[in-house]
N, C-alpha and C. Protein backbone atom coordinates (compact mmCIF):
# COMPACT_ATOMS: atom_id res chain seq x y z
N GLU A 1 -77.54 150.41 136.91
CA GLU A 1 -78.15 150.84 138.15
C GLU A 1 -79.34 149.96 138.47
N ALA A 2 -79.57 149.79 139.75
CA ALA A 2 -80.71 149.03 140.22
C ALA A 2 -81.41 149.86 141.30
N LEU A 3 -82.69 149.62 141.45
CA LEU A 3 -83.48 150.25 142.50
C LEU A 3 -83.74 149.22 143.58
N VAL A 4 -83.57 149.61 144.82
CA VAL A 4 -83.82 148.71 145.94
C VAL A 4 -84.66 149.47 146.96
N GLY A 5 -85.74 148.83 147.40
CA GLY A 5 -86.58 149.48 148.40
C GLY A 5 -87.96 148.88 148.44
N ASN A 6 -88.87 149.60 149.08
CA ASN A 6 -90.26 149.18 149.18
C ASN A 6 -91.02 149.68 147.96
N PHE A 7 -91.66 148.76 147.27
CA PHE A 7 -92.42 149.10 146.07
C PHE A 7 -93.84 148.60 146.21
N GLY A 8 -94.76 149.29 145.57
CA GLY A 8 -96.15 148.89 145.59
C GLY A 8 -97.04 149.99 146.14
N SER A 9 -98.31 149.64 146.29
CA SER A 9 -99.29 150.60 146.79
C SER A 9 -99.20 150.68 148.31
N ALA A 10 -99.92 151.60 148.88
CA ALA A 10 -99.95 151.75 150.34
C ALA A 10 -100.54 150.51 151.00
N HIS A 11 -101.36 149.78 150.29
CA HIS A 11 -102.01 148.58 150.84
C HIS A 11 -101.16 147.32 150.69
N ARG A 12 -100.28 147.33 149.72
CA ARG A 12 -99.47 146.14 149.49
C ARG A 12 -98.08 146.54 149.02
N ARG A 13 -97.17 146.57 149.94
CA ARG A 13 -95.79 146.92 149.62
C ARG A 13 -94.90 145.69 149.78
N THR A 14 -93.83 145.70 149.01
CA THR A 14 -92.84 144.63 149.13
C THR A 14 -91.45 145.22 148.97
N TYR A 15 -90.51 144.70 149.71
CA TYR A 15 -89.12 145.14 149.61
C TYR A 15 -88.46 144.28 148.55
N THR A 16 -87.90 144.89 147.52
CA THR A 16 -87.32 144.14 146.41
C THR A 16 -86.25 144.97 145.70
N ALA A 17 -85.62 144.36 144.75
CA ALA A 17 -84.65 145.03 143.89
C ALA A 17 -85.13 144.92 142.45
N LEU A 18 -85.00 145.99 141.70
CA LEU A 18 -85.44 146.04 140.31
C LEU A 18 -84.33 146.60 139.43
N GLY A 19 -84.26 146.14 138.20
CA GLY A 19 -83.31 146.69 137.25
C GLY A 19 -82.55 145.63 136.49
N GLU A 20 -81.85 146.06 135.46
CA GLU A 20 -81.09 145.16 134.59
C GLU A 20 -80.07 144.31 135.35
N PRO A 21 -79.31 144.87 136.32
CA PRO A 21 -78.35 144.02 137.05
C PRO A 21 -79.04 142.88 137.81
N VAL A 22 -80.23 143.12 138.31
CA VAL A 22 -80.97 142.10 139.04
C VAL A 22 -81.40 140.98 138.09
N ILE A 23 -81.87 141.35 136.92
CA ILE A 23 -82.27 140.37 135.91
C ILE A 23 -81.06 139.55 135.46
N LEU A 24 -79.95 140.22 135.20
CA LEU A 24 -78.74 139.52 134.77
C LEU A 24 -78.24 138.57 135.85
N ALA A 25 -78.29 138.98 137.10
CA ALA A 25 -77.88 138.10 138.20
C ALA A 25 -78.76 136.86 138.26
N SER A 26 -80.04 137.03 138.01
CA SER A 26 -80.95 135.88 137.98
C SER A 26 -80.60 134.92 136.85
N ARG A 27 -80.27 135.46 135.69
CA ARG A 27 -79.87 134.62 134.55
C ARG A 27 -78.57 133.88 134.86
N TYR A 28 -77.61 134.58 135.49
CA TYR A 28 -76.35 133.94 135.87
C TYR A 28 -76.59 132.83 136.87
N GLU A 29 -77.49 133.06 137.80
CA GLU A 29 -77.80 132.04 138.81
C GLU A 29 -78.34 130.77 138.15
N ALA A 30 -79.23 130.92 137.18
CA ALA A 30 -79.77 129.77 136.46
C ALA A 30 -78.67 129.05 135.69
N LEU A 31 -77.78 129.81 135.05
CA LEU A 31 -76.68 129.19 134.31
C LEU A 31 -75.72 128.48 135.25
N ALA A 32 -75.48 129.04 136.42
CA ALA A 32 -74.60 128.40 137.40
C ALA A 32 -75.14 127.02 137.76
N ALA A 33 -76.44 126.93 137.95
CA ALA A 33 -77.06 125.64 138.28
C ALA A 33 -76.90 124.65 137.13
N SER A 34 -77.14 125.10 135.90
CA SER A 34 -77.03 124.19 134.76
C SER A 34 -75.58 123.79 134.49
N LEU A 35 -74.63 124.66 134.85
CA LEU A 35 -73.21 124.36 134.68
C LEU A 35 -72.62 123.62 135.89
N ARG A 36 -73.46 123.42 136.90
CA ARG A 36 -73.05 122.75 138.14
C ARG A 36 -71.87 123.47 138.80
N GLN A 37 -72.00 124.79 138.87
CA GLN A 37 -71.00 125.64 139.49
C GLN A 37 -71.67 126.42 140.62
N PRO A 38 -71.05 126.47 141.81
CA PRO A 38 -71.66 127.25 142.88
C PRO A 38 -71.57 128.75 142.65
N ILE A 39 -70.56 129.19 141.87
CA ILE A 39 -70.35 130.62 141.61
C ILE A 39 -69.96 130.80 140.16
N VAL A 40 -70.61 131.74 139.49
CA VAL A 40 -70.17 132.17 138.16
C VAL A 40 -70.12 133.69 138.16
N ILE A 41 -69.19 134.22 137.37
CA ILE A 41 -69.08 135.67 137.22
C ILE A 41 -68.95 135.99 135.75
N GLY A 42 -69.31 137.21 135.41
CA GLY A 42 -69.24 137.67 134.03
C GLY A 42 -67.91 138.32 133.70
N GLU A 43 -67.84 138.84 132.48
CA GLU A 43 -66.59 139.43 131.98
C GLU A 43 -66.15 140.65 132.76
N THR A 44 -67.07 141.50 133.15
CA THR A 44 -66.71 142.72 133.85
C THR A 44 -66.04 142.41 135.18
N CYS A 45 -66.62 141.51 135.93
CA CYS A 45 -66.05 141.12 137.23
C CYS A 45 -64.71 140.40 137.01
N ALA A 46 -64.65 139.53 136.01
CA ALA A 46 -63.41 138.82 135.72
C ALA A 46 -62.30 139.80 135.36
N ALA A 47 -62.64 140.84 134.60
CA ALA A 47 -61.64 141.84 134.22
C ALA A 47 -61.14 142.60 135.45
N GLU A 48 -62.03 142.89 136.39
CA GLU A 48 -61.63 143.57 137.62
C GLU A 48 -60.70 142.70 138.46
N LEU A 49 -60.91 141.39 138.39
CA LEU A 49 -60.06 140.46 139.12
C LEU A 49 -58.78 140.12 138.36
N GLY A 50 -58.69 140.60 137.12
CA GLY A 50 -57.53 140.31 136.30
C GLY A 50 -57.54 138.89 135.76
N GLU A 51 -58.69 138.24 135.84
CA GLU A 51 -58.88 136.87 135.36
C GLU A 51 -57.91 135.89 136.01
N HIS A 52 -57.34 136.25 137.15
CA HIS A 52 -56.45 135.34 137.88
C HIS A 52 -57.29 134.31 138.63
N ASN A 53 -56.82 133.10 138.61
CA ASN A 53 -57.48 132.00 139.33
C ASN A 53 -58.93 131.79 138.90
N LEU A 54 -59.21 132.07 137.64
CA LEU A 54 -60.55 131.87 137.10
C LEU A 54 -60.50 130.85 135.96
N THR A 55 -61.55 130.09 135.84
CA THR A 55 -61.69 129.15 134.74
C THR A 55 -62.77 129.66 133.80
N LEU A 56 -62.44 129.81 132.52
CA LEU A 56 -63.41 130.24 131.54
C LEU A 56 -64.39 129.10 131.29
N LEU A 57 -65.67 129.38 131.43
CA LEU A 57 -66.71 128.37 131.22
C LEU A 57 -67.31 128.46 129.82
N GLY A 58 -66.81 129.38 129.02
CA GLY A 58 -67.30 129.53 127.65
C GLY A 58 -68.31 130.65 127.52
N SER A 59 -68.80 130.82 126.31
CA SER A 59 -69.82 131.83 126.02
C SER A 59 -71.19 131.18 126.08
N HIS A 60 -72.13 131.89 126.68
CA HIS A 60 -73.47 131.34 126.87
C HIS A 60 -74.51 132.38 126.49
N PRO A 61 -75.56 131.95 125.78
CA PRO A 61 -76.63 132.90 125.44
C PRO A 61 -77.41 133.27 126.70
N ILE A 62 -77.85 134.51 126.75
CA ILE A 62 -78.65 135.02 127.84
C ILE A 62 -79.96 135.52 127.25
N ARG A 63 -81.07 135.03 127.77
CA ARG A 63 -82.38 135.47 127.28
C ARG A 63 -82.49 136.99 127.45
N GLY A 64 -82.93 137.65 126.39
CA GLY A 64 -83.06 139.10 126.42
C GLY A 64 -81.83 139.85 125.96
N ARG A 65 -80.76 139.13 125.65
CA ARG A 65 -79.52 139.75 125.15
C ARG A 65 -79.25 139.24 123.74
N THR A 66 -78.66 140.10 122.92
CA THR A 66 -78.37 139.69 121.54
C THR A 66 -77.04 138.94 121.45
N GLN A 67 -76.11 139.26 122.34
CA GLN A 67 -74.79 138.62 122.32
C GLN A 67 -74.64 137.67 123.50
N PRO A 68 -74.00 136.52 123.28
CA PRO A 68 -73.72 135.63 124.42
C PRO A 68 -72.71 136.28 125.36
N VAL A 69 -72.70 135.82 126.59
CA VAL A 69 -71.76 136.36 127.59
C VAL A 69 -70.75 135.28 127.95
N LYS A 70 -69.51 135.71 128.24
CA LYS A 70 -68.49 134.79 128.73
C LYS A 70 -68.66 134.66 130.22
N LEU A 71 -68.65 133.45 130.71
CA LEU A 71 -68.77 133.20 132.14
C LEU A 71 -67.50 132.55 132.66
N TYR A 72 -67.18 132.86 133.90
CA TYR A 72 -65.99 132.34 134.56
C TYR A 72 -66.40 131.75 135.91
N ALA A 73 -65.59 130.84 136.41
CA ALA A 73 -65.77 130.28 137.75
C ALA A 73 -64.42 130.35 138.47
N PRO A 74 -64.44 130.58 139.78
CA PRO A 74 -63.18 130.51 140.53
C PRO A 74 -62.58 129.12 140.37
N GLN A 75 -61.26 129.03 140.26
CA GLN A 75 -60.61 127.75 140.01
C GLN A 75 -60.89 126.72 141.10
N GLN A 76 -61.04 127.15 142.36
CA GLN A 76 -61.31 126.18 143.40
C GLN A 76 -62.66 125.51 143.18
N CYS A 77 -63.58 126.16 142.43
CA CYS A 77 -64.86 125.53 142.12
C CYS A 77 -64.67 124.58 140.94
N GLY A 78 -63.77 124.95 140.03
CA GLY A 78 -63.38 124.12 138.89
C GLY A 78 -64.51 123.73 137.96
N ALA A 79 -64.26 123.83 136.68
CA ALA A 79 -65.22 123.35 135.70
C ALA A 79 -65.19 121.83 135.71
N GLN A 80 -66.37 121.22 135.65
CA GLN A 80 -66.44 119.77 135.75
C GLN A 80 -66.69 119.14 134.40
């Protein structure tokens, strides 16, 4: 679960998203850049898609996690 909305004091509010999914998405975004992929998805999303038309990019460590995660890219993006 993630929280989305206005956070902060009455004098200084900001609209943002907070939570583990937001942090994980940020980590995936950084890995996508280092892997030179415009899109990466994790195992849960890949399983929902049935892993069709996906290229496995391997297992990658994620800061704050004890186990590495498997990342996938759509085949049209292709691993380089």
